[in-house]
Amino acid sequence: MLKTGLIVMLAALMVTACDDTEQTDADAANAARVRDSGRGLGNFDMFVVPEADLGDLSQDGNVSDDGVSQVDGTATADAFLGDGELTDTAPLADPDAAPPTNDEVFTAGLPGVLARYELNGNTDDASGNERVLERLGGRFMATEFGQGLMVNDEAHGLDWSAHAALLTHPFSIEMVFTPMEVAGQSYAKLFGTDSMDSSGWYLQGERFAHYPGGDGPSRSNGRIPNGERVYIAVVSASDNTIHVYINGERGTDRPMGARFQETPPAQALFFKTDGTVSNEEPHALIEALRISSVNRSADEIADVQARLAPPE
């Protein structure tokens, strides 16, 4: 009886891949620009950028520490290319990880909610009021609370102008986002009521600020560290003044100017630069936005902060 043997020849295919990232220097004029010349506000460099790094994906789909953390929500500039564009690799969710127990930042049930946007892959109004929020570009990415919207271009932002007439005192605007590091940037616009005017709310340095200045404080006491999730609640004190809470604590001793050119405003633009001054587009991962027709209480704001950063 003849026995035949099966011989299997195995060949290994070796592939060498290379990846080049072009890093461009920040425009010297923007890096050195003092935006507030003649405005009575000091110039503060907002960010310092490390050398850009794409950040490798591990075999299980996690983003390396150079990307955006899926655990604590922190983010660094390493999720960007040198020119501020997003990499193709950051961030992805771990496919083996358990889904969030609740992907909503703001839970339902509070009175006076005009609109609530959880940004979990869309700009749907989670309040059920069906108030449209127009997305002006950006990219949805995985976060601890489902997904968030990454914006990093002057064309990006969120437009709530269809309902801007609702922004009369009393009102509350709550934003949860992670600001990114950007070279040479002193201001990043968070909210404005005129697409052709620079008035509005900004990050200046690591603080909340309004422009233009006027009577009363123009910057918050509380700090907003780059690369860390922040919860900002803006609560109207009158038609033209506001109080600001940062991570559950009030960051203003006295009311700040609301900076509305008219009440109610004609537009409501979030995370959208007006373009009158260069290098002011926000670079941020936005996780949620809630707009209400009431002044949120300190206890209500503290409850949200406890959900975002539960006691250890």
Foldseek 3Di string as FASTA:
>chain_A
DDDDDDDDDDDDDDDDDDDDFDADDPDPCLLPDDVCVVQPDGFDQAFDADQAACFDADPQQATPPLAADQPQRFGECNQATNVQHGHPPPGADRPPDDAAPALALDDDDDPFWPFKAQPLVDRATPNPNRQDKDWQDFDWYQHNNRIWTWDGDQRTWIWRLVCLLLPFPFKKKKWKKAFYGDRSAQWAAFKDQDLQDQFAWICGRQWIATPRADPFDGTFQDGHDHRHIKMKMWGDPHRFWTWIDILLHTRGPDTGGRRAPDHSGNIIIGQHGSPPDPPHRTGITTRMMIMGNHGDDSVNSNVSSCVSPPDD
